[in-house]
Protein backbone atom coordinates (compact mmCIF):
# COMPACT_ATOMS: atom_id res chain seq x y z
CA UNK A 1 -14.71 -20.73 -97.17
CA UNK A 2 -12.33 -22.83 -95.08
CA UNK A 3 -12.78 -23.12 -91.37
CA UNK A 4 -10.08 -21.23 -89.47
CA UNK A 5 -9.76 -23.91 -86.79
CA UNK A 6 -9.09 -27.20 -88.55
CA UNK A 7 -10.01 -30.22 -86.47
CA UNK A 8 -6.90 -31.68 -84.84
CA UNK A 9 -6.56 -35.37 -83.96
CA UNK A 10 -7.47 -35.95 -80.33
CA UNK A 11 -4.70 -37.14 -78.05
CA UNK A 12 -5.33 -39.33 -75.08
CA UNK A 13 -3.72 -38.19 -71.90
CA UNK A 14 -0.49 -40.06 -71.32
CA UNK A 15 -0.31 -41.47 -74.85
CA UNK A 16 3.08 -41.14 -76.51
CA UNK A 17 2.88 -40.46 -80.22
CA UNK A 18 5.99 -41.16 -82.29
CA UNK A 19 7.77 -38.14 -83.77
CA UNK A 20 7.46 -39.46 -87.30
CA UNK A 21 4.25 -41.28 -88.11
CA UNK A 22 3.98 -43.41 -91.24
CA UNK A 23 1.90 -41.66 -93.90
CA UNK A 24 -0.67 -44.46 -94.06
CA UNK A 25 -1.85 -43.89 -90.48
CA UNK A 26 -2.05 -40.12 -90.57
CA UNK A 27 -5.19 -38.93 -88.82
CA UNK A 28 -5.83 -42.25 -87.07
CA UNK A 29 -5.44 -42.98 -83.38
CA UNK A 30 -2.10 -44.50 -82.42
CA UNK A 31 -3.57 -46.80 -79.81
CA UNK A 32 -6.99 -48.22 -79.20
CA UNK A 33 -7.80 -49.19 -75.63
CA UNK A 34 -9.04 -52.75 -75.57
CA UNK A 35 -11.06 -54.18 -72.71
CA UNK A 36 -11.96 -57.83 -73.04
CA UNK A 37 -15.41 -58.60 -71.67
CA UNK A 38 -15.71 -61.35 -69.08
CA UNK A 39 -19.27 -62.24 -70.08
CA UNK A 40 -18.72 -63.68 -73.57
CA UNK A 41 -20.22 -67.02 -74.41
CA UNK A 42 -17.78 -69.74 -75.44
CA UNK A 43 -18.98 -69.25 -79.04
CA UNK A 44 -18.21 -65.53 -78.91
CA UNK A 45 -14.80 -66.15 -77.36
CA UNK A 46 -13.81 -68.70 -80.02
CA UNK A 47 -14.99 -66.34 -82.79
CA UNK A 48 -12.72 -63.57 -81.47
CA UNK A 49 -9.88 -66.04 -80.93
CA UNK A 50 -10.15 -67.25 -84.53
CA UNK A 51 -10.26 -63.66 -85.81
CA UNK A 52 -7.08 -62.79 -83.93
CA UNK A 53 -5.42 -65.98 -85.20
CA UNK A 54 -6.36 -65.10 -88.80
CA UNK A 55 -5.04 -61.59 -88.27
CA UNK A 56 -1.75 -62.99 -86.96
CA UNK A 57 -1.42 -65.21 -90.02
CA UNK A 58 -2.06 -62.29 -92.38
CA UNK A 59 0.48 -60.09 -90.62
CA UNK A 60 3.03 -62.94 -90.74
CA UNK A 61 2.45 -63.48 -94.46
CA UNK A 62 3.20 -59.81 -95.17
CA UNK A 63 5.93 -59.02 -92.63
CA UNK A 64 7.56 -62.44 -92.11
CA UNK A 65 11.10 -61.40 -93.05
CA UNK A 66 10.95 -58.16 -91.05
CA UNK A 67 9.52 -59.95 -88.01
CA UNK A 68 12.21 -62.64 -88.14
CA UNK A 69 14.96 -60.05 -88.43
CA UNK A 70 13.56 -57.99 -85.55
CA UNK A 71 13.18 -61.07 -83.35
CA UNK A 72 16.75 -62.10 -84.13
CA UNK A 73 18.03 -58.63 -83.16
CA UNK A 74 16.01 -58.58 -79.93
CA UNK A 75 17.32 -61.98 -78.81
CA UNK A 76 20.94 -61.41 -79.79
CA UNK A 77 23.21 -61.11 -76.75
CA UNK A 78 24.86 -57.76 -76.11
CA UNK A 79 28.43 -57.47 -77.39
CA UNK A 80 31.05 -58.33 -74.78
CA UNK A 81 34.00 -56.03 -74.23
CA UNK A 82 37.30 -57.85 -74.69
CA UNK A 83 39.20 -58.56 -71.48
CA UNK A 84 42.30 -56.54 -70.86
CA UNK A 85 45.10 -58.83 -69.74
CA UNK A 86 47.87 -57.33 -67.69
CA UNK A 87 50.91 -59.57 -68.24
CA UNK A 88 52.90 -57.73 -65.55
CA UNK A 89 50.94 -59.30 -62.66
CA UNK A 90 52.77 -62.17 -60.89
CA UNK A 91 50.95 -65.41 -60.24
């Protein structure tokens, strides 16, 4: 017999969840709070740094074209309205 109250994903207070979530993340948290310890040894810090660097490389290898296109769009200047020239004004 099915449980009448199905377990709902927990929401963190103040977290904004997109209206349409991609199917592959259904049921997962949308954000994971990340506190970086200040007591790591240099060896631990470099291990995490290398992990993040490897992760960045993997993401780039999969989404390179999309990331380039998005970056281009974000850095493109806003369109400028054409100037209206009033030829009737004396100079």
